[in-house]
Amino acid sequence: MSHQQTESDVSIDEIPVDLELVHRSEFTRADVPEKIESITCALLGEQPPTNPLVVLKAARWWYIHGTGETDPAYCWAIEWVRHLTTGEATASGLFSECREYLRSLEREDNDR
């Protein structure tokens, strides 16, 4: 590994896993690592990532740090991977839910 890890900062494929954050019930947009935020925002953009492995990295982060399999960002990332790998239409409701979820995290940042 190229960097030292502390007990609260573990890295998987260069995507940090913040053990303290995992055990918190809430977090804000400021807690999201820049790389994950960039991928997540791209998933909601006009030109979302087309590499399923990149999208799965973001999905993994949201699964671990969010609310598991019910986390809206995780659900949308997995839905996008399904679309990329099968060519099937996506469930647009998940897109909207993810966008609103990220907006709520921004509001929590502003409230603090």
N, C-alpha and C. Protein backbone atom coordinates (compact mmCIF):
# COMPACT_ATOMS: atom_id res chain seq x y z
N MET A 1 0.83 -1.17 0.00
CA MET A 1 0.00 0.00 0.00
C MET A 1 0.87 1.24 0.00
N SER A 2 0.41 2.25 -0.67
CA SER A 2 1.21 3.46 -0.82
C SER A 2 1.03 4.44 0.32
N HIS A 3 0.05 4.25 1.16
CA HIS A 3 -0.15 5.16 2.29
C HIS A 3 -0.46 4.36 3.54
N GLN A 4 -0.18 4.98 4.68
CA GLN A 4 -0.48 4.31 5.93
C GLN A 4 -1.94 4.44 6.27
N GLN A 5 -2.47 3.41 6.83
CA GLN A 5 -3.86 3.43 7.24
C GLN A 5 -3.95 3.50 8.75
N THR A 6 -4.92 4.22 9.24
CA THR A 6 -5.19 4.25 10.66
C THR A 6 -6.34 3.30 10.93
N GLU A 7 -6.64 3.11 12.19
CA GLU A 7 -7.74 2.21 12.52
C GLU A 7 -9.08 2.70 12.01
N SER A 8 -9.21 4.00 11.76
CA SER A 8 -10.50 4.52 11.30
C SER A 8 -10.51 4.81 9.81
N ASP A 9 -9.45 4.52 9.10
CA ASP A 9 -9.36 4.81 7.67
C ASP A 9 -8.78 3.60 6.96
N VAL A 10 -9.64 2.84 6.31
CA VAL A 10 -9.22 1.65 5.59
C VAL A 10 -9.46 1.91 4.12
N SER A 11 -8.59 1.40 3.25
CA SER A 11 -8.75 1.66 1.83
C SER A 11 -8.96 0.35 1.08
N ILE A 12 -9.91 0.37 0.16
CA ILE A 12 -10.16 -0.75 -0.74
C ILE A 12 -10.13 -0.17 -2.14
N ASP A 13 -9.21 -0.62 -2.97
CA ASP A 13 -9.10 -0.10 -4.33
C ASP A 13 -9.06 1.43 -4.35
N GLU A 14 -8.30 2.00 -3.44
CA GLU A 14 -8.14 3.44 -3.35
C GLU A 14 -9.43 4.19 -3.01
N ILE A 15 -10.46 3.49 -2.62
CA ILE A 15 -11.70 4.11 -2.15
C ILE A 15 -11.69 3.96 -0.63
N PRO A 16 -11.62 5.08 0.10
CA PRO A 16 -11.52 4.97 1.55
C PRO A 16 -12.79 4.45 2.20
N VAL A 17 -12.59 3.66 3.23
CA VAL A 17 -13.68 3.21 4.07
C VAL A 17 -13.41 3.83 5.43
N ASP A 18 -14.23 4.78 5.83
CA ASP A 18 -14.07 5.49 7.09
C ASP A 18 -14.87 4.74 8.15
N LEU A 19 -14.16 4.01 9.00
CA LEU A 19 -14.83 3.17 9.98
C LEU A 19 -15.65 3.98 10.98
N GLU A 20 -15.20 5.20 11.32
CA GLU A 20 -15.99 6.04 12.22
C GLU A 20 -17.30 6.46 11.55
N LEU A 21 -17.24 6.76 10.27
CA LEU A 21 -18.43 7.17 9.54
C LEU A 21 -19.41 6.01 9.39
N VAL A 22 -18.89 4.82 9.23
CA VAL A 22 -19.75 3.63 9.10
C VAL A 22 -20.62 3.47 10.33
N HIS A 23 -20.10 3.81 11.48
CA HIS A 23 -20.83 3.60 12.73
C HIS A 23 -21.72 4.79 13.12
N ARG A 24 -21.68 5.86 12.33
CA ARG A 24 -22.57 7.00 12.59
C ARG A 24 -23.89 6.77 11.90
N SER A 25 -24.95 7.29 12.47
CA SER A 25 -26.26 7.09 11.85
C SER A 25 -26.53 8.12 10.75
N GLU A 26 -25.83 9.26 10.78
CA GLU A 26 -26.03 10.29 9.76
C GLU A 26 -24.70 10.87 9.33
N PHE A 27 -24.66 11.37 8.11
CA PHE A 27 -23.49 12.08 7.64
C PHE A 27 -23.95 13.13 6.63
N THR A 28 -23.04 14.01 6.25
CA THR A 28 -23.37 15.08 5.31
C THR A 28 -22.54 14.91 4.05
N ARG A 29 -22.83 15.75 3.10
CA ARG A 29 -22.11 15.71 1.81
C ARG A 29 -20.62 15.94 2.00
N ALA A 30 -20.24 16.72 3.02
CA ALA A 30 -18.83 16.98 3.29
C ALA A 30 -18.08 15.71 3.70
N ASP A 31 -18.79 14.70 4.17
CA ASP A 31 -18.17 13.44 4.58
C ASP A 31 -17.86 12.53 3.39
N VAL A 32 -18.41 12.84 2.23
CA VAL A 32 -18.23 12.00 1.04
C VAL A 32 -16.88 12.34 0.40
N PRO A 33 -16.01 11.33 0.20
CA PRO A 33 -14.72 11.61 -0.44
C PRO A 33 -14.91 12.22 -1.83
N GLU A 34 -13.97 13.05 -2.23
CA GLU A 34 -14.09 13.77 -3.50
C GLU A 34 -14.28 12.83 -4.70
N LYS A 35 -13.54 11.74 -4.73
CA LYS A 35 -13.66 10.81 -5.87
C LYS A 35 -15.06 10.19 -5.94
N ILE A 36 -15.60 9.81 -4.79
CA ILE A 36 -16.94 9.21 -4.75
C ILE A 36 -17.98 10.25 -5.12
N GLU A 37 -17.82 11.47 -4.62
CA GLU A 37 -18.77 12.53 -4.96
C GLU A 37 -18.74 12.81 -6.46
N SER A 38 -17.55 12.80 -7.04
CA SER A 38 -17.41 13.06 -8.47
C SER A 38 -18.13 11.98 -9.30
N ILE A 39 -17.92 10.73 -8.94
CA ILE A 39 -18.58 9.62 -9.65
C ILE A 39 -20.09 9.72 -9.47
N THR A 40 -20.52 9.98 -8.24
CA THR A 40 -21.95 10.06 -7.94
C THR A 40 -22.61 11.19 -8.71
N CYS A 41 -21.97 12.36 -8.73
CA CYS A 41 -22.52 13.49 -9.49
C CYS A 41 -22.56 13.16 -10.98
N ALA A 42 -21.55 12.47 -11.47
CA ALA A 42 -21.54 12.07 -12.89
C ALA A 42 -22.69 11.13 -13.20
N LEU A 43 -23.04 10.27 -12.24
CA LEU A 43 -24.19 9.36 -12.43
C LEU A 43 -25.49 10.12 -12.61
N LEU A 44 -25.53 11.34 -12.10
CA LEU A 44 -26.74 12.15 -12.21
C LEU A 44 -26.63 13.18 -13.33
N GLY A 45 -25.51 13.16 -14.04
CA GLY A 45 -25.28 14.12 -15.11
C GLY A 45 -25.75 13.64 -16.46
N GLU A 46 -25.49 14.46 -17.46
CA GLU A 46 -25.92 14.14 -18.82
C GLU A 46 -25.05 13.08 -19.47
N GLN A 47 -23.82 12.92 -18.99
CA GLN A 47 -22.93 11.90 -19.54
C GLN A 47 -22.41 11.02 -18.41
N PRO A 48 -23.26 10.13 -17.92
CA PRO A 48 -22.86 9.28 -16.79
C PRO A 48 -21.75 8.31 -17.19
N PRO A 49 -21.00 7.81 -16.22
CA PRO A 49 -19.92 6.85 -16.51
C PRO A 49 -20.44 5.63 -17.25
N THR A 50 -19.63 5.13 -18.13
CA THR A 50 -20.01 3.93 -18.90
C THR A 50 -19.20 2.71 -18.49
N ASN A 51 -18.30 2.87 -17.54
CA ASN A 51 -17.52 1.75 -17.04
C ASN A 51 -18.19 1.23 -15.77
N PRO A 52 -18.76 0.04 -15.83
CA PRO A 52 -19.46 -0.50 -14.66
C PRO A 52 -18.57 -0.62 -13.43
N LEU A 53 -17.27 -0.87 -13.61
CA LEU A 53 -16.39 -1.01 -12.46
C LEU A 53 -16.24 0.30 -11.70
N VAL A 54 -16.22 1.40 -12.42
CA VAL A 54 -16.15 2.72 -11.79
C VAL A 54 -17.42 2.97 -10.98
N VAL A 55 -18.54 2.66 -11.58
CA VAL A 55 -19.83 2.87 -10.91
C VAL A 55 -19.94 1.97 -9.68
N LEU A 56 -19.44 0.75 -9.79
CA LEU A 56 -19.50 -0.17 -8.65
C LEU A 56 -18.65 0.32 -7.48
N LYS A 57 -17.55 1.04 -7.76
CA LYS A 57 -16.76 1.61 -6.67
C LYS A 57 -17.60 2.59 -5.86
N ALA A 58 -18.33 3.44 -6.57
CA ALA A 58 -19.19 4.40 -5.88
C ALA A 58 -20.30 3.66 -5.15
N ALA A 59 -20.89 2.67 -5.79
CA ALA A 59 -21.97 1.89 -5.15
C ALA A 59 -21.47 1.26 -3.86
N ARG A 60 -20.28 0.72 -3.89
CA ARG A 60 -19.73 0.08 -2.69
C ARG A 60 -19.58 1.09 -1.55
N TRP A 61 -19.07 2.30 -1.88
CA TRP A 61 -18.91 3.31 -0.83
C TRP A 61 -20.26 3.67 -0.22
N TRP A 62 -21.25 3.90 -1.06
CA TRP A 62 -22.58 4.27 -0.54
C TRP A 62 -23.21 3.13 0.25
N TYR A 63 -22.98 1.90 -0.18
CA TYR A 63 -23.52 0.75 0.55
C TYR A 63 -22.92 0.68 1.95
N ILE A 64 -21.59 0.84 2.04
CA ILE A 64 -20.89 0.74 3.32
C ILE A 64 -21.21 1.91 4.24
N HIS A 65 -21.21 3.13 3.70
CA HIS A 65 -21.35 4.32 4.53
C HIS A 65 -22.79 4.83 4.62
N GLY A 66 -23.61 4.46 3.69
CA GLY A 66 -25.00 4.90 3.68
C GLY A 66 -25.88 3.95 4.46
N THR A 67 -27.02 3.66 3.91
CA THR A 67 -27.98 2.80 4.61
C THR A 67 -28.05 1.41 4.00
N GLY A 68 -26.90 0.94 3.49
CA GLY A 68 -26.85 -0.40 2.93
C GLY A 68 -27.63 -0.50 1.63
N GLU A 69 -28.35 -1.57 1.47
CA GLU A 69 -29.03 -1.82 0.19
C GLU A 69 -30.22 -0.90 -0.04
N THR A 70 -30.61 -0.11 0.94
CA THR A 70 -31.70 0.85 0.75
C THR A 70 -31.20 2.26 0.47
N ASP A 71 -29.88 2.47 0.50
CA ASP A 71 -29.33 3.80 0.26
C ASP A 71 -29.65 4.24 -1.17
N PRO A 72 -30.26 5.41 -1.36
CA PRO A 72 -30.66 5.85 -2.70
C PRO A 72 -29.50 5.97 -3.70
N ALA A 73 -28.34 6.45 -3.24
CA ALA A 73 -27.19 6.56 -4.16
C ALA A 73 -26.71 5.17 -4.55
N TYR A 74 -26.69 4.24 -3.61
CA TYR A 74 -26.33 2.86 -3.91
C TYR A 74 -27.32 2.25 -4.91
N CYS A 75 -28.61 2.43 -4.65
CA CYS A 75 -29.63 1.85 -5.53
C CYS A 75 -29.51 2.37 -6.95
N TRP A 76 -29.28 3.69 -7.10
CA TRP A 76 -29.16 4.25 -8.44
C TRP A 76 -27.91 3.73 -9.13
N ALA A 77 -26.79 3.64 -8.40
CA ALA A 77 -25.55 3.15 -9.00
C ALA A 77 -25.73 1.70 -9.48
N ILE A 78 -26.36 0.88 -8.67
CA ILE A 78 -26.58 -0.52 -9.08
C ILE A 78 -27.53 -0.57 -10.28
N GLU A 79 -28.54 0.28 -10.28
CA GLU A 79 -29.47 0.32 -11.42
C GLU A 79 -28.74 0.73 -12.69
N TRP A 80 -27.83 1.69 -12.57
CA TRP A 80 -27.08 2.14 -13.75
C TRP A 80 -26.15 1.03 -14.25
N VAL A 81 -25.54 0.29 -13.34
CA VAL A 81 -24.69 -0.84 -13.74
C VAL A 81 -25.54 -1.89 -14.46
N ARG A 82 -26.72 -2.14 -13.93
CA ARG A 82 -27.63 -3.11 -14.60
C ARG A 82 -27.94 -2.64 -16.01
N HIS A 83 -28.21 -1.36 -16.16
CA HIS A 83 -28.48 -0.81 -17.49
C HIS A 83 -27.26 -0.98 -18.41
N LEU A 84 -26.08 -0.67 -17.89
CA LEU A 84 -24.87 -0.78 -18.71
C LEU A 84 -24.59 -2.21 -19.15
N THR A 85 -24.87 -3.16 -18.29
CA THR A 85 -24.53 -4.54 -18.59
C THR A 85 -25.61 -5.29 -19.37
N THR A 86 -26.86 -4.81 -19.26
CA THR A 86 -27.95 -5.53 -19.96
C THR A 86 -28.56 -4.72 -21.09
N GLY A 87 -28.38 -3.40 -21.05
CA GLY A 87 -29.00 -2.54 -22.06
C GLY A 87 -30.47 -2.26 -21.79
N GLU A 88 -31.00 -2.77 -20.68
CA GLU A 88 -32.40 -2.53 -20.34
C GLU A 88 -32.61 -1.10 -19.86
N ALA A 89 -33.81 -0.61 -20.00
CA ALA A 89 -34.15 0.73 -19.53
C ALA A 89 -33.98 0.80 -18.01
N THR A 90 -33.68 2.00 -17.53
CA THR A 90 -33.49 2.17 -16.10
C THR A 90 -34.80 2.57 -15.42
N ALA A 91 -34.84 2.35 -14.12
CA ALA A 91 -35.98 2.78 -13.31
C ALA A 91 -35.75 4.24 -12.95
N SER A 92 -36.40 5.15 -13.66
CA SER A 92 -36.13 6.57 -13.49
C SER A 92 -36.48 7.08 -12.10
N GLY A 93 -37.36 6.41 -11.40
CA GLY A 93 -37.69 6.81 -10.04
C GLY A 93 -36.48 6.75 -9.12
N LEU A 94 -35.59 5.80 -9.37
CA LEU A 94 -34.39 5.69 -8.56
C LEU A 94 -33.46 6.88 -8.80
N PHE A 95 -33.42 7.37 -10.03
CA PHE A 95 -32.63 8.55 -10.37
C PHE A 95 -33.11 9.74 -9.55
N SER A 96 -34.40 9.99 -9.56
CA SER A 96 -34.97 11.11 -8.83
C SER A 96 -34.75 10.98 -7.32
N GLU A 97 -34.91 9.77 -6.83
CA GLU A 97 -34.71 9.52 -5.40
C GLU A 97 -33.26 9.80 -4.99
N CYS A 98 -32.32 9.38 -5.82
CA CYS A 98 -30.91 9.62 -5.56
C CYS A 98 -30.61 11.12 -5.57
N ARG A 99 -31.13 11.82 -6.55
CA ARG A 99 -30.89 13.27 -6.65
C ARG A 99 -31.43 13.98 -5.41
N GLU A 100 -32.63 13.62 -4.97
CA GLU A 100 -33.21 14.25 -3.79
C GLU A 100 -32.41 13.91 -2.53
N TYR A 101 -31.94 12.69 -2.45
CA TYR A 101 -31.13 12.25 -1.31
C TYR A 101 -29.86 13.09 -1.22
N LEU A 102 -29.17 13.29 -2.33
CA LEU A 102 -27.95 14.10 -2.33
C LEU A 102 -28.26 15.55 -1.97
N ARG A 103 -29.38 16.04 -2.44
CA ARG A 103 -29.79 17.41 -2.06
C ARG A 103 -30.03 17.50 -0.56
N SER A 104 -30.60 16.46 0.03
CA SER A 104 -30.85 16.49 1.47
C SER A 104 -29.54 16.50 2.24
N LEU A 105 -28.52 15.82 1.72
CA LEU A 105 -27.21 15.85 2.37
C LEU A 105 -26.61 17.25 2.30
N GLU A 106 -26.82 17.94 1.19
CA GLU A 106 -26.34 19.31 1.05
C GLU A 106 -27.05 20.22 2.05
N ARG A 107 -28.34 20.02 2.22
CA ARG A 107 -29.10 20.85 3.18
C ARG A 107 -28.58 20.63 4.59
N GLU A 108 -28.24 19.39 4.92
CA GLU A 108 -27.69 19.09 6.25
C GLU A 108 -26.36 19.81 6.43
N ASP A 109 -25.53 19.86 5.37
CA ASP A 109 -24.28 20.62 5.43
C ASP A 109 -24.54 22.07 5.74
N ASN A 110 -25.54 22.66 5.08
CA ASN A 110 -25.86 24.08 5.25
C ASN A 110 -26.46 24.36 6.62
N ASP A 111 -27.13 23.37 7.20
CA ASP A 111 -27.75 23.57 8.51
C ASP A 111 -26.73 23.51 9.65
N ARG A 112 -25.56 22.95 9.39
CA ARG A 112 -24.54 22.82 10.45
C ARG A 112 -23.68 24.02 10.57
